[in-house]
Full PDB file with SEQRES, HELIX, SHEET, SSBOND, CRYST1, ORIGX, SCALE, CONECT and MASTER records, all heavy atoms in Angstrom:
SEQRES   1 A   32  THR GLN ARG TYR GLY GLY ARG ALA LEU ASN GLY GLU ALA          
SEQRES   2 A   32  LEU GLN ASP SER THR LEU LEU LEU LEU SER ARG PRO ALA          
SEQRES   3 A   32  VAL THR ALA LEU ALA ARG                                      
HELIX    1 AA1 ARG A   24  ALA A   31  1                                   8    
CRYST1    1.000    1.000    1.000  90.00  90.00  90.00 P 1           1          
ORIGX1      1.000000  0.000000  0.000000        0.00000                         
ORIGX2      0.000000  1.000000  0.000000        0.00000                         
ORIGX3      0.000000  0.000000  1.000000        0.00000                         
SCALE1      1.000000  0.000000  0.000000        0.00000                         
SCALE2      0.000000  1.000000  0.000000        0.00000                         
SCALE3      0.000000  0.000000  1.000000        0.00000                         
ATOM      1  N   THR A   1     130.252  73.172 120.854  1.00  0.00           N  
ATOM      2  CA  THR A   1     129.051  72.738 120.133  1.00  0.00           C  
ATOM      3  C   THR A   1     127.857  72.645 121.066  1.00  0.00           C  
ATOM      4  O   THR A   1     126.725  72.824 120.641  1.00  0.00           O  
ATOM      5  CB  THR A   1     129.281  71.367 119.469  1.00  0.00           C  
ATOM      6  OG1 THR A   1     129.765  70.447 120.434  1.00  0.00           O  
ATOM      7  CG2 THR A   1     130.275  71.495 118.339  1.00  0.00           C  
ATOM      8  N   GLN A   2     128.069  72.362 122.357  1.00  0.00           N  
ATOM      9  CA  GLN A   2     126.972  72.361 123.312  1.00  0.00           C  
ATOM     10  C   GLN A   2     126.517  73.779 123.604  1.00  0.00           C  
ATOM     11  O   GLN A   2     125.337  74.071 123.713  1.00  0.00           O  
ATOM     12  CB  GLN A   2     127.391  71.663 124.604  1.00  0.00           C  
ATOM     13  CG  GLN A   2     127.634  70.171 124.457  1.00  0.00           C  
ATOM     14  CD  GLN A   2     128.025  69.528 125.765  1.00  0.00           C  
ATOM     15  OE1 GLN A   2     127.951  70.137 126.826  1.00  0.00           O  
ATOM     16  NE2 GLN A   2     128.461  68.280 125.694  1.00  0.00           N  
ATOM     17  N   ARG A   3     127.467  74.696 123.708  1.00  0.00           N  
ATOM     18  CA  ARG A   3     127.126  76.074 124.027  1.00  0.00           C  
ATOM     19  C   ARG A   3     126.300  76.720 122.924  1.00  0.00           C  
ATOM     20  O   ARG A   3     125.463  77.557 123.176  1.00  0.00           O  
ATOM     21  CB  ARG A   3     128.401  76.892 124.262  1.00  0.00           C  
ATOM     22  CG  ARG A   3     129.214  76.433 125.467  1.00  0.00           C  
ATOM     23  CD  ARG A   3     130.098  77.547 125.967  1.00  0.00           C  
ATOM     24  NE  ARG A   3     131.048  78.028 124.974  1.00  0.00           N  
ATOM     25  CZ  ARG A   3     132.255  77.510 124.774  1.00  0.00           C  
ATOM     26  NH1 ARG A   3     132.636  76.458 125.492  1.00  0.00           N  
ATOM     27  NH2 ARG A   3     133.074  78.013 123.882  1.00  0.00           N  
ATOM     28  N   TYR A   4     126.535  76.323 121.686  1.00  0.00           N  
ATOM     29  CA  TYR A   4     125.864  76.988 120.582  1.00  0.00           C  
ATOM     30  C   TYR A   4     124.765  76.158 119.953  1.00  0.00           C  
ATOM     31  O   TYR A   4     124.372  76.410 118.827  1.00  0.00           O  
ATOM     32  CB  TYR A   4     126.901  77.415 119.539  1.00  0.00           C  
ATOM     33  CG  TYR A   4     127.828  78.466 120.077  1.00  0.00           C  
ATOM     34  CD1 TYR A   4     129.151  78.168 120.336  1.00  0.00           C  
ATOM     35  CD2 TYR A   4     127.358  79.736 120.356  1.00  0.00           C  
ATOM     36  CE1 TYR A   4     130.003  79.135 120.855  1.00  0.00           C  
ATOM     37  CE2 TYR A   4     128.193  80.705 120.878  1.00  0.00           C  
ATOM     38  CZ  TYR A   4     129.511  80.405 121.124  1.00  0.00           C  
ATOM     39  OH  TYR A   4     130.343  81.352 121.645  1.00  0.00           O  
ATOM     40  N   GLY A   5     124.265  75.157 120.658  1.00  0.00           N  
ATOM     41  CA  GLY A   5     123.067  74.483 120.184  1.00  0.00           C  
ATOM     42  C   GLY A   5     123.236  73.045 119.780  1.00  0.00           C  
ATOM     43  O   GLY A   5     122.275  72.389 119.421  1.00  0.00           O  
ATOM     44  N   GLY A   6     124.445  72.504 119.815  1.00  0.00           N  
ATOM     45  CA  GLY A   6     124.623  71.110 119.461  1.00  0.00           C  
ATOM     46  C   GLY A   6     124.896  70.904 117.990  1.00  0.00           C  
ATOM     47  O   GLY A   6     124.694  71.786 117.159  1.00  0.00           O  
ATOM     48  N   ARG A   7     125.363  69.727 117.652  1.00  0.00           N  
ATOM     49  CA  ARG A   7     125.762  69.438 116.274  1.00  0.00           C  
ATOM     50  C   ARG A   7     124.590  69.383 115.310  1.00  0.00           C  
ATOM     51  O   ARG A   7     124.774  69.509 114.104  1.00  0.00           O  
ATOM     52  CB  ARG A   7     126.524  68.106 116.234  1.00  0.00           C  
ATOM     53  CG  ARG A   7     127.828  68.141 117.003  1.00  0.00           C  
ATOM     54  CD  ARG A   7     128.560  66.812 116.921  1.00  0.00           C  
ATOM     55  NE  ARG A   7     129.768  66.827 117.731  1.00  0.00           N  
ATOM     56  CZ  ARG A   7     130.937  67.319 117.323  1.00  0.00           C  
ATOM     57  NH1 ARG A   7     131.035  67.824 116.116  1.00  0.00           N  
ATOM     58  NH2 ARG A   7     131.979  67.297 118.113  1.00  0.00           N  
ATOM     59  N   ALA A   8     123.387  69.169 115.816  1.00  0.00           N  
ATOM     60  CA  ALA A   8     122.236  69.016 114.924  1.00  0.00           C  
ATOM     61  C   ALA A   8     121.624  70.356 114.516  1.00  0.00           C  
ATOM     62  O   ALA A   8     120.854  70.417 113.572  1.00  0.00           O  
ATOM     63  CB  ALA A   8     121.164  68.163 115.598  1.00  0.00           C  
ATOM     64  N   LEU A   9     121.949  71.438 115.208  1.00  0.00           N  
ATOM     65  CA  LEU A   9     121.293  72.713 114.956  1.00  0.00           C  
ATOM     66  C   LEU A   9     121.990  73.499 113.853  1.00  0.00           C  
ATOM     67  O   LEU A   9     123.217  73.634 113.848  1.00  0.00           O  
ATOM     68  CB  LEU A   9     121.261  73.559 116.227  1.00  0.00           C  
ATOM     69  CG  LEU A   9     120.544  74.906 116.113  1.00  0.00           C  
ATOM     70  CD1 LEU A   9     119.057  74.691 115.868  1.00  0.00           C  
ATOM     71  CD2 LEU A   9     120.762  75.748 117.358  1.00  0.00           C  
ATOM     72  N   ASN A  10     121.195  74.006 112.916  1.00  0.00           N  
ATOM     73  CA  ASN A  10     121.708  74.836 111.828  1.00  0.00           C  
ATOM     74  C   ASN A  10     120.842  76.075 111.698  1.00  0.00           C  
ATOM     75  O   ASN A  10     119.685  76.097 112.107  1.00  0.00           O  
ATOM     76  CB  ASN A  10     121.692  74.073 110.504  1.00  0.00           C  
ATOM     77  CG  ASN A  10     122.610  72.870 110.519  1.00  0.00           C  
ATOM     78  OD1 ASN A  10     123.784  72.957 110.213  1.00  0.00           O  
ATOM     79  ND2 ASN A  10     122.061  71.708 110.893  1.00  0.00           N  
ATOM     80  N   GLY A  11     121.404  77.109 111.089  1.00  0.00           N  
ATOM     81  CA  GLY A  11     120.645  78.330 110.844  1.00  0.00           C  
ATOM     82  C   GLY A  11     120.971  78.878 109.476  1.00  0.00           C  
ATOM     83  O   GLY A  11     122.130  78.865 109.052  1.00  0.00           O  
ATOM     84  N   GLU A  12     119.946  79.348 108.762  1.00  0.00           N  
ATOM     85  CA  GLU A  12     120.145  79.886 107.428  1.00  0.00           C  
ATOM     86  C   GLU A  12     119.226  81.075 107.205  1.00  0.00           C  
ATOM     87  O   GLU A  12     118.239  81.263 107.921  1.00  0.00           O  
ATOM     88  CB  GLU A  12     119.856  78.827 106.366  1.00  0.00           C  
ATOM     89  CG  GLU A  12     118.399  78.390 106.328  1.00  0.00           C  
ATOM     90  CD  GLU A  12     118.123  77.400 105.221  1.00  0.00           C  
ATOM     91  OE1 GLU A  12     119.000  77.197 104.367  1.00  0.00           O  
ATOM     92  OE2 GLU A  12     117.013  76.826 105.209  1.00  0.00           O  
ATOM     93  N   ALA A  13     119.568  81.886 106.214  1.00  0.00           N  
ATOM     94  CA  ALA A  13     118.712  82.995 105.813  1.00  0.00           C  
ATOM     95  C   ALA A  13     117.761  82.516 104.726  1.00  0.00           C  
ATOM     96  O   ALA A  13     118.204  82.009 103.698  1.00  0.00           O  
ATOM     97  CB  ALA A  13     119.557  84.161 105.306  1.00  0.00           C  
ATOM     98  N   LEU A  14     116.464  82.653 104.955  1.00  0.00           N  
ATOM     99  CA  LEU A  14     115.480  82.298 103.940  1.00  0.00           C  
ATOM    100  C   LEU A  14     115.320  83.418 102.920  1.00  0.00           C  
ATOM    101  O   LEU A  14     114.912  83.177 101.786  1.00  0.00           O  
ATOM    102  CB  LEU A  14     114.126  82.007 104.595  1.00  0.00           C  
ATOM    103  CG  LEU A  14     114.030  80.734 105.427  1.00  0.00           C  
ATOM    104  CD1 LEU A  14     112.633  80.589 105.995  1.00  0.00           C  
ATOM    105  CD2 LEU A  14     114.392  79.504 104.616  1.00  0.00           C  
ATOM    106  N   GLN A  15     115.599  84.629 103.342  1.00  0.00           N  
ATOM    107  CA  GLN A  15     115.547  85.798 102.464  1.00  0.00           C  
ATOM    108  C   GLN A  15     116.832  86.598 102.656  1.00  0.00           C  
ATOM    109  O   GLN A  15     117.548  86.413 103.645  1.00  0.00           O  
ATOM    110  CB  GLN A  15     114.343  86.686 102.825  1.00  0.00           C  
ATOM    111  CG  GLN A  15     113.002  85.990 102.805  1.00  0.00           C  
ATOM    112  CD  GLN A  15     111.925  86.844 103.452  1.00  0.00           C  
ATOM    113  OE1 GLN A  15     112.167  87.943 103.934  1.00  0.00           O  
ATOM    114  NE2 GLN A  15     110.715  86.316 103.463  1.00  0.00           N  
ATOM    115  N   ASP A  16     117.135  87.483 101.703  1.00  0.00           N  
ATOM    116  CA  ASP A  16     118.223  88.428 101.935  1.00  0.00           C  
ATOM    117  C   ASP A  16     117.913  89.175 103.226  1.00  0.00           C  
ATOM    118  O   ASP A  16     116.827  89.760 103.370  1.00  0.00           O  
ATOM    119  CB  ASP A  16     118.343  89.416 100.774  1.00  0.00           C  
ATOM    120  CG  ASP A  16     118.849  88.747  99.497  1.00  0.00           C  
ATOM    121  OD1 ASP A  16     119.440  87.653  99.595  1.00  0.00           O  
ATOM    122  OD2 ASP A  16     118.649  89.322  98.416  1.00  0.00           O  
ATOM    123  N   SER A  17     118.839  89.138 104.171  1.00  0.00           N  
ATOM    124  CA  SER A  17     118.564  89.662 105.503  1.00  0.00           C  
ATOM    125  C   SER A  17     119.655  90.621 105.956  1.00  0.00           C  
ATOM    126  O   SER A  17     120.803  90.522 105.522  1.00  0.00           O  
ATOM    127  CB  SER A  17     118.432  88.510 106.518  1.00  0.00           C  
ATOM    128  OG  SER A  17     117.430  87.596 106.121  1.00  0.00           O  
ATOM    129  N   THR A  18     119.268  91.528 106.831  1.00  0.00           N  
ATOM    130  CA  THR A  18     120.209  92.456 107.451  1.00  0.00           C  
ATOM    131  C   THR A  18     120.178  92.247 108.952  1.00  0.00           C  
ATOM    132  O   THR A  18     119.103  92.183 109.553  1.00  0.00           O  
ATOM    133  CB  THR A  18     119.843  93.915 107.124  1.00  0.00           C  
ATOM    134  OG1 THR A  18     119.820  94.093 105.708  1.00  0.00           O  
ATOM    135  CG2 THR A  18     120.855  94.873 107.729  1.00  0.00           C  
ATOM    136  N   LEU A  19     121.355  92.108 109.547  1.00  0.00           N  
ATOM    137  CA  LEU A  19     121.468  91.920 110.985  1.00  0.00           C  
ATOM    138  C   LEU A  19     122.328  93.017 111.587  1.00  0.00           C  
ATOM    139  O   LEU A  19     123.268  93.506 110.958  1.00  0.00           O  
ATOM    140  CB  LEU A  19     122.090  90.565 111.325  1.00  0.00           C  
ATOM    141  CG  LEU A  19     121.244  89.324 111.077  1.00  0.00           C  
ATOM    142  CD1 LEU A  19     121.388  88.845 109.655  1.00  0.00           C  
ATOM    143  CD2 LEU A  19     121.662  88.217 112.039  1.00  0.00           C  
ATOM    144  N   LEU A  20     121.995  93.387 112.806  1.00  0.00           N  
ATOM    145  CA  LEU A  20     122.807  94.305 113.581  1.00  0.00           C  
ATOM    146  C   LEU A  20     123.526  93.458 114.624  1.00  0.00           C  
ATOM    147  O   LEU A  20     122.927  93.022 115.608  1.00  0.00           O  
ATOM    148  CB  LEU A  20     121.925  95.358 114.247  1.00  0.00           C  
ATOM    149  CG  LEU A  20     122.598  96.642 114.738  1.00  0.00           C  
ATOM    150  CD1 LEU A  20     123.256  97.380 113.576  1.00  0.00           C  
ATOM    151  CD2 LEU A  20     121.584  97.537 115.434  1.00  0.00           C  
ATOM    152  N   LEU A  21     124.807  93.164 114.367  1.00  0.00           N  
ATOM    153  CA  LEU A  21     125.574  92.307 115.264  1.00  0.00           C  
ATOM    154  C   LEU A  21     125.977  93.089 116.503  1.00  0.00           C  
ATOM    155  O   LEU A  21     126.527  94.193 116.411  1.00  0.00           O  
ATOM    156  CB  LEU A  21     126.811  91.778 114.544  1.00  0.00           C  
ATOM    157  CG  LEU A  21     126.556  90.947 113.276  1.00  0.00           C  
ATOM    158  CD1 LEU A  21     127.873  90.427 112.715  1.00  0.00           C  
ATOM    159  CD2 LEU A  21     125.609  89.786 113.576  1.00  0.00           C  
ATOM    160  N   LEU A  22     125.715  92.504 117.666  1.00  0.00           N  
ATOM    161  CA  LEU A  22     126.019  93.145 118.937  1.00  0.00           C  
ATOM    162  C   LEU A  22     127.306  92.579 119.519  1.00  0.00           C  
ATOM    163  O   LEU A  22     127.671  91.430 119.256  1.00  0.00           O  
ATOM    164  CB  LEU A  22     124.861  92.934 119.920  1.00  0.00           C  
ATOM    165  CG  LEU A  22     123.476  93.364 119.422  1.00  0.00           C  
ATOM    166  CD1 LEU A  22     122.421  93.066 120.478  1.00  0.00           C  
ATOM    167  CD2 LEU A  22     123.459  94.844 119.068  1.00  0.00           C  
ATOM    168  N   SER A  23     127.970  93.377 120.327  1.00  0.00           N  
ATOM    169  CA  SER A  23     129.222  92.951 120.960  1.00  0.00           C  
ATOM    170  C   SER A  23     128.915  91.999 122.107  1.00  0.00           C  
ATOM    171  O   SER A  23     128.293  92.397 123.110  1.00  0.00           O  
ATOM    172  CB  SER A  23     129.994  94.161 121.465  1.00  0.00           C  
ATOM    173  OG  SER A  23     131.049  93.754 122.313  1.00  0.00           O  
ATOM    174  N   ARG A  24     129.340  90.750 121.988  1.00  0.00           N  
ATOM    175  CA  ARG A  24     129.083  89.773 123.041  1.00  0.00           C  
ATOM    176  C   ARG A  24     129.753  90.186 124.356  1.00  0.00           C  
ATOM    177  O   ARG A  24     129.107  90.169 125.408  1.00  0.00           O  
ATOM    178  CB  ARG A  24     129.569  88.389 122.593  1.00  0.00           C  
ATOM    179  CG  ARG A  24     129.025  87.958 121.240  1.00  0.00           C  
ATOM    180  CD  ARG A  24     129.612  86.620 120.797  1.00  0.00           C  
ATOM    181  NE  ARG A  24     128.951  85.524 121.474  1.00  0.00           N  
ATOM    182  CZ  ARG A  24     127.877  84.908 120.986  1.00  0.00           C  
ATOM    183  NH1 ARG A  24     127.360  85.295 119.842  1.00  0.00           N  
ATOM    184  NH2 ARG A  24     127.333  83.912 121.637  1.00  0.00           N  
ATOM    185  N   PRO A  25     131.044  90.561 124.340  1.00  0.00           N  
ATOM    186  CA  PRO A  25     131.680  90.964 125.606  1.00  0.00           C  
ATOM    187  C   PRO A  25     131.012  92.181 126.243  1.00  0.00           C  
ATOM    188  O   PRO A  25     130.834  92.223 127.467  1.00  0.00           O  
ATOM    189  CB  PRO A  25     133.122  91.278 125.188  1.00  0.00           C  
ATOM    190  CG  PRO A  25     133.329  90.516 123.933  1.00  0.00           C  
ATOM    191  CD  PRO A  25     132.007  90.529 123.227  1.00  0.00           C  
ATOM    192  N   ALA A  26     130.618  93.159 125.416  1.00  0.00           N  
ATOM    193  CA  ALA A  26     130.010  94.368 125.962  1.00  0.00           C  
ATOM    194  C   ALA A  26     128.666  94.069 126.610  1.00  0.00           C  
ATOM    195  O   ALA A  26     128.373  94.546 127.722  1.00  0.00           O  
ATOM    196  CB  ALA A  26     129.851  95.413 124.857  1.00  0.00           C  
ATOM    197  N   VAL A  27     127.819  93.276 125.925  1.00  0.00           N  
ATOM    198  CA  VAL A  27     126.506  92.953 126.479  1.00  0.00           C  
ATOM    199  C   VAL A  27     126.642  92.086 127.726  1.00  0.00           C  
ATOM    200  O   VAL A  27     125.923  92.280 128.713  1.00  0.00           O  
ATOM    201  CB  VAL A  27     125.639  92.258 125.414  1.00  0.00           C  
ATOM    202  CG1 VAL A  27     124.324  91.770 126.020  1.00  0.00           C  
ATOM    203  CG2 VAL A  27     125.357  93.211 124.256  1.00  0.00           C  
ATOM    204  N   THR A  28     127.581  91.143 127.714  1.00  0.00           N  
ATOM    205  CA  THR A  28     127.803  90.301 128.900  1.00  0.00           C  
ATOM    206  C   THR A  28     128.234  91.134 130.085  1.00  0.00           C  
ATOM    207  O   THR A  28     127.734  90.959 131.218  1.00  0.00           O  
ATOM    208  CB  THR A  28     128.866  89.233 128.596  1.00  0.00           C  
ATOM    209  OG1 THR A  28     128.417  88.410 127.518  1.00  0.00           O  
ATOM    210  CG2 THR A  28     129.112  88.358 129.813  1.00  0.00           C  
ATOM    211  N   ALA A  29     129.151  92.061 129.874  1.00  0.00           N  
ATOM    212  CA  ALA A  29     129.629  92.922 130.959  1.00  0.00           C  
ATOM    213  C   ALA A  29     128.500  93.799 131.494  1.00  0.00           C  
ATOM    214  O   ALA A  29     128.358  93.971 132.716  1.00  0.00           O  
ATOM    215  CB  ALA A  29     130.791  93.782 130.462  1.00  0.00           C  
ATOM    216  N   LEU A  30     127.686  94.345 130.592  1.00  0.00           N  
ATOM    217  CA  LEU A  30     126.561  95.170 131.027  1.00  0.00           C  
ATOM    218  C   LEU A  30     125.545  94.358 131.815  1.00  0.00           C  
ATOM    219  O   LEU A  30     124.997  94.826 132.823  1.00  0.00           O  
ATOM    220  CB  LEU A  30     125.887  95.804 129.811  1.00  0.00           C  
ATOM    221  CG  LEU A  30     126.582  97.008 129.172  1.00  0.00           C  
ATOM    222  CD1 LEU A  30     125.944  97.343 127.828  1.00  0.00           C  
ATOM    223  CD2 LEU A  30     126.503  98.208 130.109  1.00  0.00           C  
ATOM    224  N   ALA A  31     125.274  93.137 131.364  1.00  0.00           N  
ATOM    225  CA  ALA A  31     124.288  92.292 132.041  1.00  0.00           C  
ATOM    226  C   ALA A  31     124.727  91.945 133.455  1.00  0.00           C  
ATOM    227  O   ALA A  31     123.893  91.765 134.347  1.00  0.00           O  
ATOM    228  CB  ALA A  31     124.050  91.022 131.234  1.00  0.00           C  
ATOM    229  N   ARG A  32     126.041  91.857 133.670  1.00  0.00           N  
ATOM    230  CA  ARG A  32     126.539  91.555 135.011  1.00  0.00           C  
ATOM    231  C   ARG A  32     126.425  92.745 135.960  1.00  0.00           C  
ATOM    232  O   ARG A  32     126.402  92.580 137.178  1.00  0.00           O  
ATOM    233  CB  ARG A  32     127.994  91.089 134.923  1.00  0.00           C  
ATOM    234  CG  ARG A  32     128.146  89.692 134.322  1.00  0.00           C  
ATOM    235  CD  ARG A  32     129.592  89.340 134.058  1.00  0.00           C  
ATOM    236  NE  ARG A  32     129.708  87.952 133.609  1.00  0.00           N  
ATOM    237  CZ  ARG A  32     130.793  87.448 133.061  1.00  0.00           C  
ATOM    238  NH1 ARG A  32     131.867  88.221 132.877  1.00  0.00           N  
ATOM    239  NH2 ARG A  32     130.826  86.176 132.676  1.00  0.00           N  
TER     240      ARG A  32                                                      
MASTER        0    0    0    1    0    0    0    6  239    1    0    3          
END                                                                             
């Protein structure tokens, strides 16, 4: 819960939305 913003943080879509989900392991490995 600390890593992802704490218990008080929430996120919602205000409109119908489209996201391009990225690979966390792939981006982390590339960044290193």
